[in-house]
Amino acid sequence: MLRHTPGTLQVINPSTRDEAQRLTALAIYDAAVVNNPVEVDKLWANTMRSAYANQKFVESFARREDTLDGRLGALKIPTLIIWGREDKITPVALGDRFHREITGSSLLVIEKRGHSANEEQPEQFTAALLNFIKDGDTT
């Protein structure tokens, strides 16, 4: 699991292709994707397009501006939380905590998926999202 400290948070804003490979290994469960140079290159290209925003996130997190501690209970709207069971960046225990703290929330844990569960399992993610919007249910 990645510890959320200023130095280690830099991993979400890689400045080299090797760092992009490391981020891919943390974000994606499927080893075939992690070891595929084309997939790493796609992540690298996406990261380069969002480098400024990623850096601002890292800086705000380091200043503890993005902490959700004590704030989730204030949410009073239907909330769908989707998490990858094998997330190495933010473990599923955090998703469980969010679910406990947000009254009436729904939690879908996608098995054998990592931090990018929406990209790794787009069909299941989209179906859950559409069901939630339509019925407030993820099944």
N, C-alpha and C. Protein backbone atom coordinates (compact mmCIF):
# COMPACT_ATOMS: atom_id res chain seq x y z
N MET A 1 0.85 -1.19 0.00
CA MET A 1 0.00 0.00 0.00
C MET A 1 0.89 1.24 0.00
N LEU A 2 0.47 2.24 -0.70
CA LEU A 2 1.18 3.52 -0.77
C LEU A 2 0.82 4.35 0.46
N ARG A 3 1.81 4.83 1.18
CA ARG A 3 1.58 5.72 2.32
C ARG A 3 1.43 7.13 1.80
N HIS A 4 0.44 7.84 2.28
CA HIS A 4 0.15 9.19 1.77
C HIS A 4 0.98 10.23 2.51
N THR A 5 2.19 10.41 2.03
CA THR A 5 3.07 11.45 2.53
C THR A 5 3.52 12.27 1.33
N PRO A 6 3.97 13.50 1.56
CA PRO A 6 4.34 14.33 0.41
C PRO A 6 5.28 13.65 -0.58
N GLY A 7 6.30 12.96 -0.12
CA GLY A 7 7.24 12.31 -1.03
C GLY A 7 6.62 11.17 -1.82
N THR A 8 5.87 10.33 -1.14
CA THR A 8 5.29 9.18 -1.84
C THR A 8 4.10 9.59 -2.69
N LEU A 9 3.42 10.67 -2.35
CA LEU A 9 2.31 11.13 -3.19
C LEU A 9 2.80 11.58 -4.56
N GLN A 10 4.07 11.93 -4.66
CA GLN A 10 4.61 12.33 -5.96
C GLN A 10 4.46 11.22 -6.99
N VAL A 11 4.27 9.98 -6.53
CA VAL A 11 4.14 8.87 -7.47
C VAL A 11 2.94 9.07 -8.40
N ILE A 12 1.93 9.84 -7.99
CA ILE A 12 0.78 10.06 -8.86
C ILE A 12 1.06 11.11 -9.92
N ASN A 13 2.22 11.73 -9.84
CA ASN A 13 2.61 12.73 -10.82
C ASN A 13 4.01 12.40 -11.35
N PRO A 14 4.14 11.26 -12.05
CA PRO A 14 5.47 10.84 -12.48
C PRO A 14 6.09 11.81 -13.47
N SER A 15 7.40 11.92 -13.38
CA SER A 15 8.11 12.81 -14.30
C SER A 15 8.96 12.03 -15.30
N THR A 16 8.97 10.72 -15.16
CA THR A 16 9.69 9.88 -16.13
C THR A 16 8.81 8.69 -16.50
N ARG A 17 9.17 8.03 -17.58
CA ARG A 17 8.42 6.86 -18.01
C ARG A 17 8.57 5.73 -16.98
N ASP A 18 9.75 5.59 -16.34
CA ASP A 18 9.94 4.57 -15.31
C ASP A 18 8.99 4.82 -14.13
N GLU A 19 8.83 6.09 -13.76
CA GLU A 19 7.89 6.41 -12.69
C GLU A 19 6.45 6.11 -13.13
N ALA A 20 6.16 6.31 -14.41
CA ALA A 20 4.83 5.97 -14.94
C ALA A 20 4.60 4.46 -14.84
N GLN A 21 5.65 3.68 -15.07
CA GLN A 21 5.56 2.22 -14.93
C GLN A 21 5.23 1.86 -13.48
N ARG A 22 5.88 2.52 -12.55
CA ARG A 22 5.63 2.25 -11.12
C ARG A 22 4.19 2.62 -10.77
N LEU A 23 3.71 3.74 -11.27
CA LEU A 23 2.33 4.14 -11.01
C LEU A 23 1.35 3.14 -11.61
N THR A 24 1.65 2.65 -12.80
CA THR A 24 0.79 1.65 -13.43
C THR A 24 0.70 0.40 -12.54
N ALA A 25 1.84 -0.03 -12.00
CA ALA A 25 1.85 -1.20 -11.13
C ALA A 25 1.04 -0.98 -9.86
N LEU A 26 0.96 0.25 -9.38
CA LEU A 26 0.16 0.55 -8.19
C LEU A 26 -1.33 0.68 -8.53
N ALA A 27 -1.63 1.22 -9.69
CA ALA A 27 -3.01 1.55 -10.02
C ALA A 27 -3.78 0.42 -10.67
N ILE A 28 -3.09 -0.49 -11.33
CA ILE A 28 -3.75 -1.52 -12.13
C ILE A 28 -3.48 -2.89 -11.53
N TYR A 29 -4.50 -3.71 -11.41
CA TYR A 29 -4.37 -5.07 -10.87
C TYR A 29 -3.84 -6.05 -11.91
N ASP A 30 -4.30 -5.95 -13.14
CA ASP A 30 -4.01 -6.90 -14.20
C ASP A 30 -2.55 -6.80 -14.64
N ALA A 31 -1.78 -7.86 -14.36
CA ALA A 31 -0.35 -7.85 -14.69
C ALA A 31 -0.11 -7.72 -16.19
N ALA A 32 -1.02 -8.22 -17.01
CA ALA A 32 -0.87 -8.10 -18.46
C ALA A 32 -0.87 -6.63 -18.89
N VAL A 33 -1.64 -5.82 -18.19
CA VAL A 33 -1.67 -4.39 -18.48
C VAL A 33 -0.41 -3.72 -17.93
N VAL A 34 -0.08 -4.06 -16.69
CA VAL A 34 1.08 -3.45 -16.03
C VAL A 34 2.36 -3.69 -16.82
N ASN A 35 2.48 -4.87 -17.42
CA ASN A 35 3.69 -5.23 -18.15
C ASN A 35 3.62 -4.93 -19.63
N ASN A 36 2.58 -4.24 -20.07
CA ASN A 36 2.40 -3.92 -21.47
C ASN A 36 2.94 -2.51 -21.73
N PRO A 37 4.01 -2.37 -22.49
CA PRO A 37 4.59 -1.04 -22.74
C PRO A 37 3.60 -0.06 -23.36
N VAL A 38 2.68 -0.55 -24.18
CA VAL A 38 1.68 0.33 -24.80
C VAL A 38 0.78 0.94 -23.72
N GLU A 39 0.37 0.13 -22.75
CA GLU A 39 -0.48 0.63 -21.66
C GLU A 39 0.27 1.64 -20.79
N VAL A 40 1.53 1.35 -20.50
CA VAL A 40 2.35 2.29 -19.72
C VAL A 40 2.49 3.60 -20.49
N ASP A 41 2.71 3.50 -21.80
CA ASP A 41 2.83 4.72 -22.61
C ASP A 41 1.53 5.53 -22.60
N LYS A 42 0.38 4.85 -22.61
CA LYS A 42 -0.91 5.57 -22.53
C LYS A 42 -1.03 6.29 -21.20
N LEU A 43 -0.67 5.62 -20.11
CA LEU A 43 -0.72 6.28 -18.80
C LEU A 43 0.24 7.45 -18.77
N TRP A 44 1.43 7.26 -19.31
CA TRP A 44 2.43 8.32 -19.34
C TRP A 44 1.89 9.52 -20.11
N ALA A 45 1.26 9.30 -21.26
CA ALA A 45 0.70 10.39 -22.05
C ALA A 45 -0.42 11.10 -21.29
N ASN A 46 -1.30 10.33 -20.65
CA ASN A 46 -2.38 10.93 -19.86
C ASN A 46 -1.83 11.74 -18.69
N THR A 47 -0.79 11.22 -18.07
CA THR A 47 -0.18 11.90 -16.93
C THR A 47 0.46 13.21 -17.37
N MET A 48 1.10 13.20 -18.51
CA MET A 48 1.72 14.43 -19.01
C MET A 48 0.66 15.50 -19.27
N ARG A 49 -0.51 15.09 -19.76
CA ARG A 49 -1.58 16.06 -20.01
C ARG A 49 -2.13 16.64 -18.71
N SER A 50 -2.06 15.88 -17.61
CA SER A 50 -2.65 16.35 -16.36
C SER A 50 -1.61 16.62 -15.28
N ALA A 51 -0.36 16.80 -15.66
CA ALA A 51 0.73 16.99 -14.69
C ALA A 51 0.49 18.17 -13.76
N TYR A 52 0.02 19.28 -14.29
CA TYR A 52 -0.20 20.46 -13.46
C TYR A 52 -1.27 20.18 -12.40
N ALA A 53 -2.38 19.61 -12.80
CA ALA A 53 -3.47 19.30 -11.86
C ALA A 53 -3.01 18.28 -10.82
N ASN A 54 -2.27 17.26 -11.27
CA ASN A 54 -1.76 16.27 -10.32
C ASN A 54 -0.83 16.91 -9.30
N GLN A 55 0.03 17.81 -9.75
CA GLN A 55 0.95 18.47 -8.83
C GLN A 55 0.19 19.32 -7.82
N LYS A 56 -0.85 20.02 -8.25
CA LYS A 56 -1.65 20.84 -7.33
C LYS A 56 -2.35 19.95 -6.31
N PHE A 57 -2.82 18.76 -6.73
CA PHE A 57 -3.43 17.82 -5.79
C PHE A 57 -2.41 17.39 -4.74
N VAL A 58 -1.20 17.01 -5.18
CA VAL A 58 -0.16 16.58 -4.26
C VAL A 58 0.14 17.69 -3.25
N GLU A 59 0.26 18.91 -3.73
CA GLU A 59 0.56 20.04 -2.84
C GLU A 59 -0.57 20.28 -1.84
N SER A 60 -1.82 20.21 -2.30
CA SER A 60 -2.95 20.44 -1.38
C SER A 60 -3.06 19.31 -0.37
N PHE A 61 -2.77 18.10 -0.79
CA PHE A 61 -2.82 16.97 0.14
C PHE A 61 -1.72 17.12 1.18
N ALA A 62 -0.54 17.54 0.76
CA ALA A 62 0.57 17.75 1.70
C ALA A 62 0.21 18.81 2.74
N ARG A 63 -0.60 19.80 2.32
CA ARG A 63 -1.04 20.85 3.26
C ARG A 63 -2.26 20.40 4.07
N ARG A 64 -2.72 19.15 3.83
CA ARG A 64 -3.87 18.54 4.50
C ARG A 64 -5.18 19.27 4.17
N GLU A 65 -5.24 19.89 3.01
CA GLU A 65 -6.46 20.58 2.58
C GLU A 65 -7.49 19.61 2.03
N ASP A 66 -7.04 18.44 1.56
CA ASP A 66 -7.95 17.49 0.94
C ASP A 66 -8.37 16.37 1.88
N THR A 67 -8.06 16.49 3.14
CA THR A 67 -8.45 15.45 4.07
C THR A 67 -9.97 15.43 4.25
N LEU A 68 -10.51 14.23 4.32
CA LEU A 68 -11.97 14.08 4.48
C LEU A 68 -12.35 13.73 5.91
N ASP A 69 -11.36 13.63 6.79
CA ASP A 69 -11.64 13.26 8.18
C ASP A 69 -12.68 14.18 8.79
N GLY A 70 -13.74 13.57 9.29
CA GLY A 70 -14.79 14.32 9.96
C GLY A 70 -15.74 15.05 9.03
N ARG A 71 -15.58 14.93 7.73
CA ARG A 71 -16.42 15.66 6.78
C ARG A 71 -17.45 14.80 6.07
N LEU A 72 -17.21 13.52 5.99
CA LEU A 72 -18.08 12.65 5.19
C LEU A 72 -19.49 12.55 5.75
N GLY A 73 -19.64 12.61 7.06
CA GLY A 73 -20.96 12.52 7.68
C GLY A 73 -21.88 13.67 7.28
N ALA A 74 -21.31 14.74 6.77
CA ALA A 74 -22.13 15.89 6.36
C ALA A 74 -22.83 15.65 5.02
N LEU A 75 -22.39 14.65 4.28
CA LEU A 75 -23.03 14.36 2.99
C LEU A 75 -24.44 13.82 3.23
N LYS A 76 -25.40 14.43 2.61
CA LYS A 76 -26.80 14.04 2.78
C LYS A 76 -27.46 13.71 1.44
N ILE A 77 -26.68 13.28 0.49
CA ILE A 77 -27.20 12.95 -0.83
C ILE A 77 -26.83 11.50 -1.14
N PRO A 78 -27.57 10.86 -2.03
CA PRO A 78 -27.20 9.49 -2.41
C PRO A 78 -25.76 9.47 -2.94
N THR A 79 -24.99 8.53 -2.45
CA THR A 79 -23.58 8.46 -2.81
C THR A 79 -23.22 7.04 -3.17
N LEU A 80 -22.63 6.87 -4.32
CA LEU A 80 -22.13 5.57 -4.76
C LEU A 80 -20.61 5.58 -4.64
N ILE A 81 -20.09 4.61 -3.92
CA ILE A 81 -18.65 4.46 -3.73
C ILE A 81 -18.25 3.19 -4.47
N ILE A 82 -17.32 3.31 -5.39
CA ILE A 82 -16.84 2.15 -6.14
C ILE A 82 -15.34 2.01 -5.89
N TRP A 83 -14.93 0.80 -5.50
CA TRP A 83 -13.55 0.56 -5.11
C TRP A 83 -13.05 -0.73 -5.71
N GLY A 84 -11.78 -0.78 -6.07
CA GLY A 84 -11.13 -2.02 -6.49
C GLY A 84 -10.60 -2.75 -5.26
N ARG A 85 -10.91 -4.03 -5.16
CA ARG A 85 -10.49 -4.82 -3.98
C ARG A 85 -8.98 -4.78 -3.79
N GLU A 86 -8.21 -4.80 -4.87
CA GLU A 86 -6.75 -4.86 -4.77
C GLU A 86 -6.10 -3.49 -4.98
N ASP A 87 -6.76 -2.43 -4.61
CA ASP A 87 -6.22 -1.08 -4.75
C ASP A 87 -4.99 -0.93 -3.86
N LYS A 88 -3.83 -0.64 -4.46
CA LYS A 88 -2.58 -0.47 -3.71
C LYS A 88 -2.32 0.99 -3.36
N ILE A 89 -3.12 1.90 -3.90
CA ILE A 89 -2.93 3.31 -3.61
C ILE A 89 -3.82 3.72 -2.43
N THR A 90 -5.09 3.39 -2.51
CA THR A 90 -6.03 3.64 -1.41
C THR A 90 -6.77 2.34 -1.14
N PRO A 91 -6.41 1.65 -0.07
CA PRO A 91 -6.95 0.31 0.18
C PRO A 91 -8.46 0.32 0.40
N VAL A 92 -9.07 -0.83 0.16
CA VAL A 92 -10.52 -0.97 0.26
C VAL A 92 -11.02 -0.64 1.67
N ALA A 93 -10.19 -0.75 2.67
CA ALA A 93 -10.60 -0.38 4.02
C ALA A 93 -11.03 1.09 4.08
N LEU A 94 -10.43 1.92 3.25
CA LEU A 94 -10.82 3.33 3.20
C LEU A 94 -12.21 3.46 2.57
N GLY A 95 -12.49 2.68 1.55
CA GLY A 95 -13.83 2.66 0.96
C GLY A 95 -14.87 2.20 1.97
N ASP A 96 -14.52 1.19 2.76
CA ASP A 96 -15.42 0.72 3.83
C ASP A 96 -15.70 1.85 4.82
N ARG A 97 -14.65 2.59 5.17
CA ARG A 97 -14.81 3.71 6.10
C ARG A 97 -15.71 4.79 5.51
N PHE A 98 -15.49 5.13 4.25
CA PHE A 98 -16.35 6.12 3.59
C PHE A 98 -17.81 5.66 3.66
N HIS A 99 -18.03 4.39 3.36
CA HIS A 99 -19.38 3.83 3.37
C HIS A 99 -20.02 3.93 4.75
N ARG A 100 -19.25 3.63 5.78
CA ARG A 100 -19.78 3.74 7.16
C ARG A 100 -20.11 5.19 7.52
N GLU A 101 -19.30 6.12 7.06
CA GLU A 101 -19.47 7.51 7.46
C GLU A 101 -20.51 8.28 6.65
N ILE A 102 -20.82 7.81 5.45
CA ILE A 102 -21.81 8.49 4.60
C ILE A 102 -23.12 7.73 4.73
N THR A 103 -24.03 8.28 5.50
CA THR A 103 -25.31 7.63 5.74
C THR A 103 -26.04 7.37 4.42
N GLY A 104 -26.49 6.14 4.27
CA GLY A 104 -27.26 5.79 3.09
C GLY A 104 -26.45 5.59 1.83
N SER A 105 -25.13 5.55 1.95
CA SER A 105 -24.30 5.34 0.76
C SER A 105 -24.36 3.88 0.33
N SER A 106 -23.95 3.66 -0.91
CA SER A 106 -23.82 2.31 -1.46
C SER A 106 -22.35 2.09 -1.79
N LEU A 107 -21.85 0.91 -1.48
CA LEU A 107 -20.46 0.57 -1.76
C LEU A 107 -20.42 -0.65 -2.67
N LEU A 108 -19.75 -0.51 -3.80
CA LEU A 108 -19.50 -1.63 -4.70
C LEU A 108 -18.00 -1.85 -4.72
N VAL A 109 -17.58 -3.05 -4.31
CA VAL A 109 -16.17 -3.42 -4.38
C VAL A 109 -16.02 -4.37 -5.57
N ILE A 110 -15.18 -3.97 -6.52
CA ILE A 110 -14.95 -4.77 -7.71
C ILE A 110 -13.75 -5.67 -7.46
N GLU A 111 -14.01 -6.97 -7.52
CA GLU A 111 -12.97 -7.97 -7.23
C GLU A 111 -11.88 -7.96 -8.30
N LYS A 112 -10.68 -8.29 -7.88
CA LYS A 112 -9.51 -8.42 -8.76
C LYS A 112 -9.31 -7.19 -9.63
N ARG A 113 -9.49 -6.02 -9.02
CA ARG A 113 -9.24 -4.75 -9.70
C ARG A 113 -8.54 -3.82 -8.72
N GLY A 114 -7.80 -2.86 -9.28
CA GLY A 114 -7.03 -1.96 -8.46
C GLY A 114 -7.64 -0.57 -8.38
N HIS A 115 -6.79 0.42 -8.28
CA HIS A 115 -7.20 1.81 -8.10
C HIS A 115 -8.02 2.32 -9.28
N SER A 116 -7.76 1.78 -10.44
CA SER A 116 -8.45 2.22 -11.66
C SER A 116 -9.54 1.22 -12.04
N ALA A 117 -10.34 0.81 -11.08
CA ALA A 117 -11.39 -0.20 -11.32
C ALA A 117 -12.34 0.22 -12.43
N ASN A 118 -12.60 1.51 -12.54
CA ASN A 118 -13.49 2.00 -13.60
C ASN A 118 -12.90 1.74 -14.98
N GLU A 119 -11.59 1.78 -15.10
CA GLU A 119 -10.95 1.52 -16.39
C GLU A 119 -10.71 0.02 -16.60
N GLU A 120 -10.43 -0.68 -15.52
CA GLU A 120 -10.15 -2.11 -15.63
C GLU A 120 -11.43 -2.94 -15.85
N GLN A 121 -12.54 -2.46 -15.33
CA GLN A 121 -13.80 -3.19 -15.44
C GLN A 121 -14.90 -2.21 -15.85
N PRO A 122 -14.78 -1.59 -17.02
CA PRO A 122 -15.72 -0.54 -17.41
C PRO A 122 -17.17 -0.99 -17.51
N GLU A 123 -17.40 -2.24 -17.91
CA GLU A 123 -18.79 -2.71 -18.04
C GLU A 123 -19.47 -2.77 -16.67
N GLN A 124 -18.80 -3.36 -15.68
CA GLN A 124 -19.37 -3.45 -14.34
C GLN A 124 -19.52 -2.06 -13.72
N PHE A 125 -18.52 -1.22 -13.90
CA PHE A 125 -18.57 0.14 -13.38
C PHE A 125 -19.75 0.91 -13.97
N THR A 126 -19.88 0.87 -15.29
CA THR A 126 -20.94 1.61 -15.98
C THR A 126 -22.32 1.09 -15.59
N ALA A 127 -22.47 -0.23 -15.53
CA ALA A 127 -23.76 -0.82 -15.14
C ALA A 127 -24.13 -0.39 -13.72
N ALA A 128 -23.17 -0.42 -12.81
CA ALA A 128 -23.45 -0.01 -11.43
C ALA A 128 -23.83 1.46 -11.37
N LEU A 129 -23.13 2.29 -12.11
CA LEU A 129 -23.40 3.72 -12.12
C LEU A 129 -24.79 4.00 -12.69
N LEU A 130 -25.11 3.38 -13.81
CA LEU A 130 -26.43 3.59 -14.42
C LEU A 130 -27.55 3.09 -13.52
N ASN A 131 -27.37 1.93 -12.88
CA ASN A 131 -28.38 1.44 -11.94
C ASN A 131 -28.54 2.36 -10.75
N PHE A 132 -27.43 2.90 -10.27
CA PHE A 132 -27.49 3.81 -9.14
C PHE A 132 -28.25 5.09 -9.51
N ILE A 133 -27.96 5.62 -10.68
CA ILE A 133 -28.66 6.83 -11.13
C ILE A 133 -30.14 6.56 -11.32
N LYS A 134 -30.46 5.40 -11.89
CA LYS A 134 -31.84 5.05 -12.19
C LYS A 134 -32.63 4.66 -10.94
N ASP A 135 -32.05 3.78 -10.12
CA ASP A 135 -32.81 3.18 -9.01
C ASP A 135 -32.20 3.41 -7.62
N GLY A 136 -31.00 3.97 -7.57
CA GLY A 136 -30.33 4.09 -6.28
C GLY A 136 -29.76 2.77 -5.82
N ASP A 137 -29.56 1.83 -6.76
CA ASP A 137 -29.07 0.49 -6.45
C ASP A 137 -27.89 0.19 -7.36
N THR A 138 -26.98 -0.70 -6.94
CA THR A 138 -25.82 -1.03 -7.76
C THR A 138 -25.93 -2.40 -8.40
N THR A 139 -26.99 -3.12 -8.18
CA THR A 139 -27.09 -4.48 -8.72
C THR A 139 -27.77 -4.49 -10.08
